[in-house]
Amino acid sequence: MPLIGLLHFMIAIGFALHAHRTGRPQFWIYILIFIPLAGSIAYVLFELLPEVANSRRARRVATDIRSVVSPDADWHALRRDAQERDTVEAKSKLARECERKGMWVEAIAVYRQAARGPYVDDPGLLSDLARALLGSGNAEAALTTLDRLRAGNPDYQNQDAHLTYARALETIGREQEARQEYRAIAQYYVGTQARTRYALLLLKLGEPAAAKRLFEEVVRVSKARSVVLTDADREWVRVAQRNLDRNV
């Protein structure tokens, strides 16, 4: 048997063993053994690829590939949807995609379009608008927007809005006020960002010991079995670990 034929046969045998161990229909074994090359291709196409495509990791890889091949595909689709439906939900999705792409001016404009009429004081939209304003570098406008949110919705509690407020204060140099806000939000914020940002501010304020305790807490909590971390959380854990490695 030529070497290439032997290779095809060995691959087919491997797929046949896989089919047997995973409970695939028995006909796959016969197909793989008697027509190894075509059978292997068919097995990959009809059994393995659909299974892989349904895994979380595969969906993530597919999303990453789509972002590389057609980086603006999602934005174009969301823009069409926002134009066709003209709803707050559609506009919010478009604005968040603009944020993800760093299109801050566009994101701000879309959020402002959404926050009109009955939604002019909607706390969720105002919180999102403030975040986009901060992302664009306009911390003063972010604070003004959040003050407006608070005035119109005094009972509204949102960890992301609170974090944006603390970040905006820090950005414009009101560091002691930012410290108070970070200290408050670090007590209840779900995720690692708030505590890590608080620790970084403490470093800036010349309090390395307090910062180190927070960095250690972030890393320790991230290793707990019950904790589920997002990609953003893991990045903030890495920031904390890097600072610990520098003997903060």
C-alpha atoms as a PDB file:
ATOM      1  CA  MET A   1       0.000   0.000   0.000  1.00  0.00           C
ATOM      2  CA  PRO A   2       1.510   3.369  -0.971  1.00  0.00           C
ATOM      3  CA  LEU A   3       2.509   5.570   1.926  1.00  0.00           C
ATOM      4  CA  ILE A   4      -0.210   8.152   1.223  1.00  0.00           C
ATOM      5  CA  GLY A   5      -2.851   5.412   1.110  1.00  0.00           C
ATOM      6  CA  LEU A   6      -1.608   4.021   4.419  1.00  0.00           C
ATOM      7  CA  LEU A   7      -1.830   7.487   5.941  1.00  0.00           C
ATOM      8  CA  HIS A   8      -5.420   7.892   4.748  1.00  0.00           C
ATOM      9  CA  PHE A   9      -6.275   4.465   6.166  1.00  0.00           C
ATOM     10  CA  MET A  10      -4.716   5.263   9.575  1.00  0.00           C
ATOM     11  CA  ILE A  11      -6.662   8.527   9.754  1.00  0.00           C
ATOM     12  CA  ALA A  12      -9.850   6.669   8.885  1.00  0.00           C
ATOM     13  CA  ILE A  13      -9.144   4.094  11.608  1.00  0.00           C
ATOM     14  CA  GLY A  14      -8.700   6.936  14.091  1.00  0.00           C
ATOM     15  CA  PHE A  15     -12.033   8.441  13.088  1.00  0.00           C
ATOM     16  CA  ALA A  16     -13.660   4.989  13.289  1.00  0.00           C
ATOM     17  CA  LEU A  17     -12.417   4.585  16.862  1.00  0.00           C
ATOM     18  CA  HIS A  18     -13.719   8.069  17.655  1.00  0.00           C
ATOM     19  CA  ALA A  19     -17.115   7.186  16.166  1.00  0.00           C
ATOM     20  CA  HIS A  20     -17.278   4.010  18.244  1.00  0.00           C
ATOM     21  CA  ARG A  21     -16.242   5.707  21.519  1.00  0.00           C
ATOM     22  CA  THR A  22     -18.628   8.635  21.089  1.00  0.00           C
ATOM     23  CA  GLY A  23     -21.643   6.517  20.136  1.00  0.00           C
ATOM     24  CA  ARG A  24     -21.937   7.607  16.521  1.00  0.00           C
ATOM     25  CA  PRO A  25     -24.074   5.500  14.150  1.00  0.00           C
ATOM     26  CA  GLN A  26     -22.327   2.233  13.257  1.00  0.00           C
ATOM     27  CA  PHE A  27     -22.496   2.899   9.525  1.00  0.00           C
ATOM     28  CA  TRP A  28     -19.692   5.444   9.953  1.00  0.00           C
ATOM     29  CA  ILE A  29     -17.297   2.653  10.862  1.00  0.00           C
ATOM     30  CA  TYR A  30     -18.020   0.793   7.634  1.00  0.00           C
ATOM     31  CA  ILE A  31     -17.775   3.937   5.540  1.00  0.00           C
ATOM     32  CA  LEU A  32     -14.466   4.929   7.131  1.00  0.00           C
ATOM     33  CA  ILE A  33     -12.913   1.492   6.710  1.00  0.00           C
ATOM     34  CA  PHE A  34     -14.042   0.723   3.150  1.00  0.00           C
ATOM     35  CA  ILE A  35     -13.705   4.219   1.636  1.00  0.00           C
ATOM     36  CA  PRO A  36     -11.150   5.838   3.947  1.00  0.00           C
ATOM     37  CA  LEU A  37     -10.440   9.099   2.118  1.00  0.00           C
ATOM     38  CA  ALA A  38     -14.003  10.059   1.187  1.00  0.00           C
ATOM     39  CA  GLY A  39     -15.283   8.620   4.462  1.00  0.00           C
ATOM     40  CA  SER A  40     -12.866  10.715   6.516  1.00  0.00           C
ATOM     41  CA  ILE A  41     -13.856  13.870   4.676  1.00  0.00           C
ATOM     42  CA  ALA A  42     -17.545  13.074   5.159  1.00  0.00           C
ATOM     43  CA  TYR A  43     -17.010  12.308   8.846  1.00  0.00           C
ATOM     44  CA  VAL A  44     -15.317  15.657   9.392  1.00  0.00           C
ATOM     45  CA  LEU A  45     -17.997  17.554   7.477  1.00  0.00           C
ATOM     46  CA  PHE A  46     -21.092  15.892   8.925  1.00  0.00           C
ATOM     47  CA  GLU A  47     -20.005  14.893  12.437  1.00  0.00           C
ATOM     48  CA  LEU A  48     -16.990  16.810  13.720  1.00  0.00           C
ATOM     49  CA  LEU A  49     -17.461  20.298  12.286  1.00  0.00           C
ATOM     50  CA  PRO A  50     -21.097  20.711  13.459  1.00  0.00           C
ATOM     51  CA  GLU A  51     -20.047  19.591  16.944  1.00  0.00           C
ATOM     52  CA  VAL A  52     -17.124  21.993  17.055  1.00  0.00           C
ATOM     53  CA  ALA A  53     -19.234  24.827  15.663  1.00  0.00           C
ATOM     54  CA  ASN A  54     -21.641  24.524  18.587  1.00  0.00           C
ATOM     55  CA  SER A  55     -18.965  24.843  21.273  1.00  0.00           C
ATOM     56  CA  ARG A  56     -18.441  28.142  23.118  1.00  0.00           C
ATOM     57  CA  ARG A  57     -14.784  28.293  22.144  1.00  0.00           C
ATOM     58  CA  ALA A  58     -15.655  27.734  18.496  1.00  0.00           C
ATOM     59  CA  ARG A  59     -18.230  30.517  18.560  1.00  0.00           C
ATOM     60  CA  ARG A  60     -15.645  32.830  20.075  1.00  0.00           C
ATOM     61  CA  VAL A  61     -13.050  31.878  17.464  1.00  0.00           C
ATOM     62  CA  ALA A  62     -15.632  32.391  14.716  1.00  0.00           C
ATOM     63  CA  THR A  63     -16.428  35.830  16.096  1.00  0.00           C
ATOM     64  CA  ASP A  64     -12.729  36.730  16.192  1.00  0.00           C
ATOM     65  CA  ILE A  65     -12.241  35.515  12.626  1.00  0.00           C
ATOM     66  CA  ARG A  66     -15.277  37.482  11.453  1.00  0.00           C
ATOM     67  CA  SER A  67     -13.875  40.576  13.153  1.00  0.00           C
ATOM     68  CA  VAL A  68     -10.612  40.195  11.253  1.00  0.00           C
ATOM     69  CA  VAL A  69     -12.131  39.326   7.877  1.00  0.00           C
ATOM     70  CA  SER A  70     -14.962  41.849   8.052  1.00  0.00           C
ATOM     71  CA  PRO A  71     -14.359  44.184  11.001  1.00  0.00           C
ATOM     72  CA  ASP A  72     -17.312  46.439  10.226  1.00  0.00           C
ATOM     73  CA  ALA A  73     -19.909  43.739   9.488  1.00  0.00           C
ATOM     74  CA  ASP A  74     -21.614  43.944  12.877  1.00  0.00           C
ATOM     75  CA  TRP A  75     -21.596  47.732  12.797  1.00  0.00           C
ATOM     76  CA  HIS A  76     -23.204  47.838   9.352  1.00  0.00           C
ATOM     77  CA  ALA A  77     -25.850  45.306  10.389  1.00  0.00           C
ATOM     78  CA  LEU A  78     -26.672  47.187  13.586  1.00  0.00           C
ATOM     79  CA  ARG A  79     -26.794  50.519  11.763  1.00  0.00           C
ATOM     80  CA  ARG A  80     -29.277  49.108   9.237  1.00  0.00           C
ATOM     81  CA  ASP A  81     -31.365  47.692  12.053  1.00  0.00           C
ATOM     82  CA  ALA A  82     -31.375  51.033  13.890  1.00  0.00           C
ATOM     83  CA  GLN A  83     -32.430  52.839  10.722  1.00  0.00           C
ATOM     84  CA  GLU A  84     -35.166  50.361   9.883  1.00  0.00           C
ATOM     85  CA  ARG A  85     -36.645  49.874  13.354  1.00  0.00           C
ATOM     86  CA  ASP A  86     -35.788  53.253  14.920  1.00  0.00           C
ATOM     87  CA  THR A  87     -36.162  51.859  18.450  1.00  0.00           C
ATOM     88  CA  VAL A  88     -34.248  52.638  21.619  1.00  0.00           C
ATOM     89  CA  GLU A  89     -33.098  49.031  21.810  1.00  0.00           C
ATOM     90  CA  ALA A  90     -31.700  49.043  18.270  1.00  0.00           C
ATOM     91  CA  LYS A  91     -29.982  52.401  18.784  1.00  0.00           C
ATOM     92  CA  SER A  92     -28.461  51.256  22.074  1.00  0.00           C
ATOM     93  CA  LYS A  93     -26.986  48.162  20.421  1.00  0.00           C
ATOM     94  CA  LEU A  94     -25.526  50.303  17.647  1.00  0.00           C
ATOM     95  CA  ALA A  95     -24.065  52.769  20.141  1.00  0.00           C
ATOM     96  CA  ARG A  96     -22.439  49.990  22.163  1.00  0.00           C
ATOM     97  CA  GLU A  97     -20.881  48.595  18.992  1.00  0.00           C
ATOM     98  CA  CYS A  98     -19.554  52.075  18.232  1.00  0.00           C
ATOM     99  CA  GLU A  99     -18.037  52.157  21.712  1.00  0.00           C
ATOM    100  CA  ARG A 100     -16.433  48.757  21.162  1.00  0.00           C
ATOM    101  CA  LYS A 101     -14.837  50.085  17.981  1.00  0.00           C
ATOM    102  CA  GLY A 102     -13.684  53.305  19.667  1.00  0.00           C
ATOM    103  CA  MET A 103     -16.096  55.399  17.586  1.00  0.00           C
ATOM    104  CA  TRP A 104     -16.864  57.689  20.497  1.00  0.00           C
ATOM    105  CA  VAL A 105     -18.370  60.618  18.575  1.00  0.00           C
ATOM    106  CA  GLU A 106     -20.747  58.273  16.768  1.00  0.00           C
ATOM    107  CA  ALA A 107     -21.661  56.470  19.992  1.00  0.00           C
ATOM    108  CA  ILE A 108     -22.454  59.746  21.742  1.00  0.00           C
ATOM    109  CA  ALA A 109     -24.610  60.909  18.842  1.00  0.00           C
ATOM    110  CA  VAL A 110     -26.609  57.668  18.781  1.00  0.00           C
ATOM    111  CA  TYR A 111     -27.141  57.658  22.547  1.00  0.00           C
ATOM    112  CA  ARG A 112     -28.388  61.237  22.349  1.00  0.00           C
ATOM    113  CA  GLN A 113     -30.775  60.280  19.559  1.00  0.00           C
ATOM    114  CA  ALA A 114     -32.125  57.482  21.719  1.00  0.00           C
ATOM    115  CA  ALA A 115     -32.489  59.664  24.837  1.00  0.00           C
ATOM    116  CA  ARG A 116     -35.355  61.766  23.517  1.00  0.00           C
ATOM    117  CA  GLY A 117     -39.060  62.060  24.162  1.00  0.00           C
ATOM    118  CA  PRO A 118     -40.162  59.677  26.921  1.00  0.00           C
ATOM    119  CA  TYR A 119     -36.554  58.444  27.269  1.00  0.00           C
ATOM    120  CA  VAL A 120     -34.997  61.856  27.839  1.00  0.00           C
ATOM    121  CA  ASP A 121     -34.271  61.011  31.505  1.00  0.00           C
ATOM    122  CA  ASP A 122     -33.894  57.253  31.099  1.00  0.00           C
ATOM    123  CA  PRO A 123     -31.195  56.294  33.624  1.00  0.00           C
ATOM    124  CA  GLY A 124     -29.802  53.440  31.533  1.00  0.00           C
ATOM    125  CA  LEU A 125     -29.319  55.643  28.483  1.00  0.00           C
ATOM    126  CA  LEU A 126     -27.835  58.472  30.527  1.00  0.00           C
ATOM    127  CA  SER A 127     -25.410  56.035  32.159  1.00  0.00           C
ATOM    128  CA  ASP A 128     -24.358  54.720  28.746  1.00  0.00           C
ATOM    129  CA  LEU A 129     -24.038  58.254  27.370  1.00  0.00           C
ATOM    130  CA  ALA A 130     -21.821  59.266  30.298  1.00  0.00           C
ATOM    131  CA  ARG A 131     -19.566  56.268  29.689  1.00  0.00           C
ATOM    132  CA  ALA A 132     -19.216  57.187  26.006  1.00  0.00           C
ATOM    133  CA  LEU A 133     -18.478  60.816  26.904  1.00  0.00           C
ATOM    134  CA  LEU A 134     -15.745  59.673  29.282  1.00  0.00           C
ATOM    135  CA  GLY A 135     -14.368  57.379  26.604  1.00  0.00           C
ATOM    136  CA  SER A 136     -14.173  60.332  24.234  1.00  0.00           C
ATOM    137  CA  GLY A 137     -12.114  62.258  26.789  1.00  0.00           C
ATOM    138  CA  ASN A 138     -14.876  64.600  27.908  1.00  0.00           C
ATOM    139  CA  ALA A 139     -14.935  63.789  31.625  1.00  0.00           C
ATOM    140  CA  GLU A 140     -16.659  67.059  32.537  1.00  0.00           C
ATOM    141  CA  ALA A 141     -19.604  66.249  30.256  1.00  0.00           C
ATOM    142  CA  ALA A 142     -19.717  62.729  31.706  1.00  0.00           C
ATOM    143  CA  LEU A 143     -20.046  64.151  35.214  1.00  0.00           C
ATOM    144  CA  THR A 144     -22.728  66.607  34.106  1.00  0.00           C
ATOM    145  CA  THR A 145     -24.685  63.753  32.519  1.00  0.00           C
ATOM    146  CA  LEU A 146     -24.427  61.623  35.661  1.00  0.00           C
ATOM    147  CA  ASP A 147     -25.490  64.549  37.848  1.00  0.00           C
ATOM    148  CA  ARG A 148     -28.512  64.901  35.579  1.00  0.00           C
ATOM    149  CA  LEU A 149     -29.175  61.171  35.952  1.00  0.00           C
ATOM    150  CA  ARG A 150     -29.029  61.436  39.736  1.00  0.00           C
ATOM    151  CA  ALA A 151     -31.304  64.483  39.835  1.00  0.00           C
ATOM    152  CA  GLY A 152     -33.955  62.794  37.702  1.00  0.00           C
ATOM    153  CA  ASN A 153     -33.619  59.343  39.274  1.00  0.00           C
ATOM    154  CA  PRO A 154     -32.563  59.766  42.904  1.00  0.00           C
ATOM    155  CA  ASP A 155     -33.197  56.108  43.762  1.00  0.00           C
ATOM    156  CA  TYR A 156     -31.331  54.691  40.775  1.00  0.00           C
ATOM    157  CA  GLN A 157     -28.397  52.441  41.682  1.00  0.00           C
ATOM    158  CA  ASN A 158     -26.055  51.122  39.017  1.00  0.00           C
ATOM    159  CA  GLN A 159     -22.491  49.928  39.497  1.00  0.00           C
ATOM    160  CA  ASP A 160     -21.356  50.920  36.007  1.00  0.00           C
ATOM    161  CA  ALA A 161     -22.693  54.451  36.372  1.00  0.00           C
ATOM    162  CA  HIS A 162     -20.984  54.705  39.771  1.00  0.00           C
ATOM    163  CA  LEU A 163     -17.689  53.503  38.315  1.00  0.00           C
ATOM    164  CA  THR A 164     -17.939  55.989  35.446  1.00  0.00           C
ATOM    165  CA  TYR A 165     -18.501  58.752  38.001  1.00  0.00           C
ATOM    166  CA  ALA A 166     -15.389  57.767  39.979  1.00  0.00           C
ATOM    167  CA  ARG A 167     -13.294  57.535  36.818  1.00  0.00           C
ATOM    168  CA  ALA A 168     -14.482  60.929  35.609  1.00  0.00           C
ATOM    169  CA  LEU A 169     -13.564  62.535  38.932  1.00  0.00           C
ATOM    170  CA  GLU A 170     -10.108  60.994  38.747  1.00  0.00           C
ATOM    171  CA  THR A 171      -9.658  62.106  35.143  1.00  0.00           C
ATOM    172  CA  ILE A 172     -10.248  65.786  35.937  1.00  0.00           C
ATOM    173  CA  GLY A 173      -7.951  65.670  38.954  1.00  0.00           C
ATOM    174  CA  ARG A 174     -10.524  65.533  41.761  1.00  0.00           C
ATOM    175  CA  GLU A 175      -8.628  62.592  43.194  1.00  0.00           C
ATOM    176  CA  GLN A 176      -9.762  62.732  46.806  1.00  0.00           C
ATOM    177  CA  GLU A 177     -13.391  62.724  45.715  1.00  0.00           C
ATOM    178  CA  ALA A 178     -12.591  59.887  43.317  1.00  0.00           C
ATOM    179  CA  ARG A 179     -10.996  58.002  46.188  1.00  0.00           C
ATOM    180  CA  GLN A 180     -14.209  58.196  48.196  1.00  0.00           C
ATOM    181  CA  GLU A 181     -16.248  56.960  45.232  1.00  0.00           C
ATOM    182  CA  TYR A 182     -13.849  54.102  44.492  1.00  0.00           C
ATOM    183  CA  ARG A 183     -13.846  53.050  48.129  1.00  0.00           C
ATOM    184  CA  ALA A 184     -17.647  52.928  48.130  1.00  0.00           C
ATOM    185  CA  ILE A 185     -18.044  51.081  44.840  1.00  0.00           C
ATOM    186  CA  ALA A 186     -15.290  48.575  45.642  1.00  0.00           C
ATOM    187  CA  GLN A 187     -17.555  47.206  48.377  1.00  0.00           C
ATOM    188  CA  TYR A 188     -20.224  45.974  45.987  1.00  0.00           C
ATOM    189  CA  TYR A 189     -18.909  46.055  42.411  1.00  0.00           C
ATOM    190  CA  VAL A 190     -19.263  42.682  40.689  1.00  0.00           C
ATOM    191  CA  GLY A 191     -15.974  42.123  38.903  1.00  0.00           C
ATOM    192  CA  THR A 192     -12.347  43.106  39.372  1.00  0.00           C
ATOM    193  CA  GLN A 193     -12.206  46.492  37.649  1.00  0.00           C
ATOM    194  CA  ALA A 194     -13.358  48.759  40.475  1.00  0.00           C
ATOM    195  CA  ARG A 195     -10.960  47.412  43.110  1.00  0.00           C
ATOM    196  CA  THR A 196      -8.044  47.404  40.693  1.00  0.00           C
ATOM    197  CA  ARG A 197      -8.736  51.001  39.645  1.00  0.00           C
ATOM    198  CA  TYR A 198      -9.038  51.956  43.311  1.00  0.00           C
ATOM    199  CA  ALA A 199      -5.659  50.372  44.028  1.00  0.00           C
ATOM    200  CA  LEU A 200      -4.074  52.207  41.095  1.00  0.00           C
ATOM    201  CA  LEU A 201      -5.406  55.503  42.431  1.00  0.00           C
ATOM    202  CA  LEU A 202      -4.003  54.713  45.881  1.00  0.00           C
ATOM    203  CA  LEU A 203      -0.609  54.148  44.269  1.00  0.00           C
ATOM    204  CA  LYS A 204      -0.907  57.533  42.591  1.00  0.00           C
ATOM    205  CA  LEU A 205      -1.777  59.112  45.945  1.00  0.00           C
ATOM    206  CA  GLY A 206       1.321  57.615  47.575  1.00  0.00           C
ATOM    207  CA  GLU A 207      -0.296  54.780  49.537  1.00  0.00           C
ATOM    208  CA  PRO A 208       1.502  51.628  48.279  1.00  0.00           C
ATOM    209  CA  ALA A 209       0.660  49.458  51.288  1.00  0.00           C
ATOM    210  CA  ALA A 210      -3.092  49.998  50.895  1.00  0.00           C
ATOM    211  CA  ALA A 211      -2.791  49.502  47.152  1.00  0.00           C
ATOM    212  CA  LYS A 212      -0.926  46.226  47.660  1.00  0.00           C
ATOM    213  CA  ARG A 213      -3.670  44.860  49.910  1.00  0.00           C
ATOM    214  CA  LEU A 214      -6.252  45.579  47.230  1.00  0.00           C
ATOM    215  CA  PHE A 215      -4.147  44.047  44.455  1.00  0.00           C
ATOM    216  CA  GLU A 216      -3.681  40.924  46.584  1.00  0.00           C
ATOM    217  CA  GLU A 217      -7.406  40.747  47.223  1.00  0.00           C
ATOM    218  CA  VAL A 218      -8.174  40.989  43.500  1.00  0.00           C
ATOM    219  CA  VAL A 219      -5.771  38.153  42.666  1.00  0.00           C
ATOM    220  CA  ARG A 220      -6.930  35.993  45.589  1.00  0.00           C
ATOM    221  CA  VAL A 221     -10.616  36.366  44.798  1.00  0.00           C
ATOM    222  CA  SER A 222     -10.004  35.639  41.103  1.00  0.00           C
ATOM    223  CA  LYS A 223      -8.677  32.193  42.036  1.00  0.00           C
ATOM    224  CA  ALA A 224     -11.755  31.126  43.998  1.00  0.00           C
ATOM    225  CA  ARG A 225     -13.602  28.192  42.461  1.00  0.00           C
ATOM    226  CA  SER A 226     -16.987  29.873  42.600  1.00  0.00           C
ATOM    227  CA  VAL A 227     -15.824  33.002  40.772  1.00  0.00           C
ATOM    228  CA  VAL A 228     -16.666  33.360  37.075  1.00  0.00           C
ATOM    229  CA  LEU A 229     -14.422  35.859  35.320  1.00  0.00           C
ATOM    230  CA  THR A 230     -15.103  37.689  32.091  1.00  0.00           C
ATOM    231  CA  ASP A 231     -12.304  38.526  29.662  1.00  0.00           C
ATOM    232  CA  ALA A 232     -12.332  42.088  31.004  1.00  0.00           C
ATOM    233  CA  ASP A 233     -12.053  40.778  34.574  1.00  0.00           C
ATOM    234  CA  ARG A 234      -9.032  38.674  33.638  1.00  0.00           C
ATOM    235  CA  GLU A 235      -7.324  41.713  32.157  1.00  0.00           C
ATOM    236  CA  TRP A 236      -7.790  43.640  35.403  1.00  0.00           C
ATOM    237  CA  VAL A 237      -6.469  40.647  37.365  1.00  0.00           C
ATOM    238  CA  ARG A 238      -3.364  40.755  35.157  1.00  0.00           C
ATOM    239  CA  VAL A 239      -2.977  44.456  35.950  1.00  0.00           C
ATOM    240  CA  ALA A 240      -3.154  43.659  39.663  1.00  0.00           C
ATOM    241  CA  GLN A 241      -0.651  40.807  39.338  1.00  0.00           C
ATOM    242  CA  ARG A 242       1.801  42.935  37.360  1.00  0.00           C
ATOM    243  CA  ASN A 243       1.763  45.537  40.101  1.00  0.00           C
ATOM    244  CA  LEU A 244       2.362  42.876  42.747  1.00  0.00           C
ATOM    245  CA  ASP A 245       5.254  41.516  40.699  1.00  0.00           C
ATOM    246  CA  ARG A 246       6.801  44.965  40.821  1.00  0.00           C
ATOM    247  CA  ASN A 247       6.842  44.654  44.633  1.00  0.00           C
ATOM    248  CA  VAL A 248       4.241  47.374  45.129  1.00  0.00           C
END
